[in-house]
């Protein structure tokens, strides 16, 4: 399965969860919207922060989702690599595994 197919699965699971519990998912979407509102940080920077947090939490679907969003918002590969270094610093060995997954996803998107 390629990265685009995996991303489609992530999105399909979110849609299914929304159908199962629209109240919670609508509230969560509100949090996402508020966190990503226009401000001093651009959308690409906010998504790169989300990638770093996802790496620290070991959330593969989150890594894929936010890496894709960062790239869509104009984040460069070099910017991602800098963020991956910080994620590795803050999460050690497991961070290197998940950072590699984020880089592979970026390259495949």
C-alpha atoms as a PDB file:
ATOM      1  CA  UNK A   1       0.000   0.000   0.000  1.00  0.00           C
ATOM      2  CA  UNK A   2       1.437   3.379  -0.966  1.00  0.00           C
ATOM      3  CA  UNK A   3       1.423   6.544   1.129  1.00  0.00           C
ATOM      4  CA  UNK A   4      -1.537   8.078  -0.692  1.00  0.00           C
ATOM      5  CA  UNK A   5      -3.591   4.928  -0.032  1.00  0.00           C
ATOM      6  CA  UNK A   6      -2.607   4.985   3.644  1.00  0.00           C
ATOM      7  CA  UNK A   7      -3.611   8.646   3.864  1.00  0.00           C
ATOM      8  CA  UNK A   8      -6.957   7.823   2.242  1.00  0.00           C
ATOM      9  CA  UNK A   9      -7.480   5.146   4.908  1.00  0.00           C
ATOM     10  CA  UNK A  10      -6.685   7.642   7.682  1.00  0.00           C
ATOM     11  CA  UNK A  11      -9.273  10.028   6.263  1.00  0.00           C
ATOM     12  CA  UNK A  12     -11.842   7.244   5.768  1.00  0.00           C
ATOM     13  CA  UNK A  13     -11.480   6.203   9.416  1.00  0.00           C
ATOM     14  CA  UNK A  14     -12.048   9.804  10.497  1.00  0.00           C
ATOM     15  CA  UNK A  15     -15.202   9.983   8.377  1.00  0.00           C
ATOM     16  CA  UNK A  16     -16.458   6.697   9.860  1.00  0.00           C
ATOM     17  CA  UNK A  17     -15.771   7.944  13.373  1.00  0.00           C
ATOM     18  CA  UNK A  18     -17.614  11.182  12.609  1.00  0.00           C
ATOM     19  CA  UNK A  19     -20.633   9.191  11.433  1.00  0.00           C
ATOM     20  CA  UNK A  20     -20.505   7.101  14.619  1.00  0.00           C
ATOM     21  CA  UNK A  21     -20.097  10.077  16.983  1.00  0.00           C
ATOM     22  CA  UNK A  22     -20.725  13.387  15.228  1.00  0.00           C
ATOM     23  CA  UNK A  23     -20.907  15.411  18.443  1.00  0.00           C
ATOM     24  CA  UNK A  24     -17.413  14.483  19.613  1.00  0.00           C
ATOM     25  CA  UNK A  25     -15.863  14.700  16.165  1.00  0.00           C
ATOM     26  CA  UNK A  26     -17.475  18.079  15.483  1.00  0.00           C
ATOM     27  CA  UNK A  27     -16.064  19.352  18.772  1.00  0.00           C
ATOM     28  CA  UNK A  28     -12.628  17.946  17.889  1.00  0.00           C
ATOM     29  CA  UNK A  29     -12.832  19.615  14.477  1.00  0.00           C
ATOM     30  CA  UNK A  30     -13.539  22.875  16.306  1.00  0.00           C
ATOM     31  CA  UNK A  31     -10.348  22.443  18.334  1.00  0.00           C
ATOM     32  CA  UNK A  32      -8.398  21.774  15.127  1.00  0.00           C
ATOM     33  CA  UNK A  33      -9.886  24.856  13.478  1.00  0.00           C
ATOM     34  CA  UNK A  34      -9.095  27.060  16.472  1.00  0.00           C
ATOM     35  CA  UNK A  35      -5.533  25.751  16.767  1.00  0.00           C
ATOM     36  CA  UNK A  36      -4.894  26.334  13.073  1.00  0.00           C
ATOM     37  CA  UNK A  37      -6.466  29.779  12.824  1.00  0.00           C
ATOM     38  CA  UNK A  38      -4.420  32.552  11.243  1.00  0.00           C
ATOM     39  CA  UNK A  39      -1.873  34.002  13.619  1.00  0.00           C
ATOM     40  CA  UNK A  40       1.820  34.697  13.958  1.00  0.00           C
ATOM     41  CA  UNK A  41       2.735  31.178  12.869  1.00  0.00           C
ATOM     42  CA  UNK A  42       1.903  30.156   9.341  1.00  0.00           C
ATOM     43  CA  UNK A  43      -0.055  27.033   8.484  1.00  0.00           C
ATOM     44  CA  UNK A  44       3.045  25.125   7.359  1.00  0.00           C
ATOM     45  CA  UNK A  45       4.835  25.882  10.635  1.00  0.00           C
ATOM     46  CA  UNK A  46       1.851  24.758  12.688  1.00  0.00           C
ATOM     47  CA  UNK A  47       1.668  21.508  10.741  1.00  0.00           C
ATOM     48  CA  UNK A  48       5.399  20.930  11.255  1.00  0.00           C
ATOM     49  CA  UNK A  49       4.868  21.376  14.997  1.00  0.00           C
ATOM     50  CA  UNK A  50       2.081  18.798  14.769  1.00  0.00           C
ATOM     51  CA  UNK A  51       4.470  16.402  12.983  1.00  0.00           C
ATOM     52  CA  UNK A  52       6.990  16.762  15.815  1.00  0.00           C
ATOM     53  CA  UNK A  53       4.322  16.113  18.447  1.00  0.00           C
ATOM     54  CA  UNK A  54       3.007  13.131  16.474  1.00  0.00           C
ATOM     55  CA  UNK A  55       6.518  11.670  16.366  1.00  0.00           C
ATOM     56  CA  UNK A  56       6.880  12.130  20.119  1.00  0.00           C
ATOM     57  CA  UNK A  57       3.530  10.405  20.664  1.00  0.00           C
ATOM     58  CA  UNK A  58       4.291   7.615  18.196  1.00  0.00           C
ATOM     59  CA  UNK A  59       1.093   8.220  16.218  1.00  0.00           C
ATOM     60  CA  UNK A  60       1.768   6.941  12.709  1.00  0.00           C
ATOM     61  CA  UNK A  61      -1.553   8.119  11.273  1.00  0.00           C
ATOM     62  CA  UNK A  62      -0.989  11.572  12.804  1.00  0.00           C
ATOM     63  CA  UNK A  63       2.501  11.687  11.295  1.00  0.00           C
ATOM     64  CA  UNK A  64       1.101  10.895   7.868  1.00  0.00           C
ATOM     65  CA  UNK A  65      -1.814  13.334   8.148  1.00  0.00           C
ATOM     66  CA  UNK A  66       0.251  16.282   9.398  1.00  0.00           C
ATOM     67  CA  UNK A  67       3.218  15.612   7.099  1.00  0.00           C
ATOM     68  CA  UNK A  68       0.813  15.726   4.172  1.00  0.00           C
ATOM     69  CA  UNK A  69      -0.793  18.922   5.491  1.00  0.00           C
ATOM     70  CA  UNK A  70       2.622  20.539   6.043  1.00  0.00           C
ATOM     71  CA  UNK A  71       3.639  19.767   2.478  1.00  0.00           C
ATOM     72  CA  UNK A  72       0.304  21.052   1.129  1.00  0.00           C
ATOM     73  CA  UNK A  73       0.851  24.304   3.033  1.00  0.00           C
ATOM     74  CA  UNK A  74       4.278  24.749   1.447  1.00  0.00           C
ATOM     75  CA  UNK A  75       6.688  23.276   3.999  1.00  0.00           C
ATOM     76  CA  UNK A  76       9.924  22.236   2.346  1.00  0.00           C
ATOM     77  CA  UNK A  77      11.764  18.978   2.833  1.00  0.00           C
ATOM     78  CA  UNK A  78      14.614  20.898   4.492  1.00  0.00           C
ATOM     79  CA  UNK A  79      12.198  22.479   6.986  1.00  0.00           C
ATOM     80  CA  UNK A  80      10.778  19.053   7.772  1.00  0.00           C
ATOM     81  CA  UNK A  81      14.271  17.637   8.305  1.00  0.00           C
ATOM     82  CA  UNK A  82      15.039  20.399  10.849  1.00  0.00           C
ATOM     83  CA  UNK A  83      11.821  19.626  12.706  1.00  0.00           C
ATOM     84  CA  UNK A  84      12.658  15.913  12.623  1.00  0.00           C
ATOM     85  CA  UNK A  85      15.989  16.674  14.311  1.00  0.00           C
ATOM     86  CA  UNK A  86      14.175  18.425  17.163  1.00  0.00           C
ATOM     87  CA  UNK A  87      11.676  15.565  17.428  1.00  0.00           C
ATOM     88  CA  UNK A  88      14.555  13.091  17.652  1.00  0.00           C
ATOM     89  CA  UNK A  89      16.245  15.230  20.307  1.00  0.00           C
ATOM     90  CA  UNK A  90      13.090  15.259  22.400  1.00  0.00           C
ATOM     91  CA  UNK A  91      12.059  11.627  21.940  1.00  0.00           C
ATOM     92  CA  UNK A  92      15.301   9.682  21.550  1.00  0.00           C
ATOM     93  CA  UNK A  93      15.503   6.309  19.829  1.00  0.00           C
ATOM     94  CA  UNK A  94      11.797   5.882  19.108  1.00  0.00           C
ATOM     95  CA  UNK A  95      11.820   9.374  17.616  1.00  0.00           C
ATOM     96  CA  UNK A  96      14.344   8.271  15.012  1.00  0.00           C
ATOM     97  CA  UNK A  97      11.999   5.495  13.877  1.00  0.00           C
ATOM     98  CA  UNK A  98       8.997   7.800  13.559  1.00  0.00           C
ATOM     99  CA  UNK A  99      11.071  10.638  12.070  1.00  0.00           C
ATOM    100  CA  UNK A 100      12.129   8.242   9.331  1.00  0.00           C
ATOM    101  CA  UNK A 101       8.475   7.463   8.671  1.00  0.00           C
ATOM    102  CA  UNK A 102       7.667  11.184   8.384  1.00  0.00           C
ATOM    103  CA  UNK A 103      10.510  11.748   5.919  1.00  0.00           C
ATOM    104  CA  UNK A 104       9.482   8.738   3.828  1.00  0.00           C
ATOM    105  CA  UNK A 105       5.891   9.996   3.772  1.00  0.00           C
ATOM    106  CA  UNK A 106       6.984  13.488   2.688  1.00  0.00           C
ATOM    107  CA  UNK A 107       9.071  12.058  -0.134  1.00  0.00           C
ATOM    108  CA  UNK A 108       6.230   9.796  -1.276  1.00  0.00           C
ATOM    109  CA  UNK A 109       3.592  12.555  -1.305  1.00  0.00           C
END
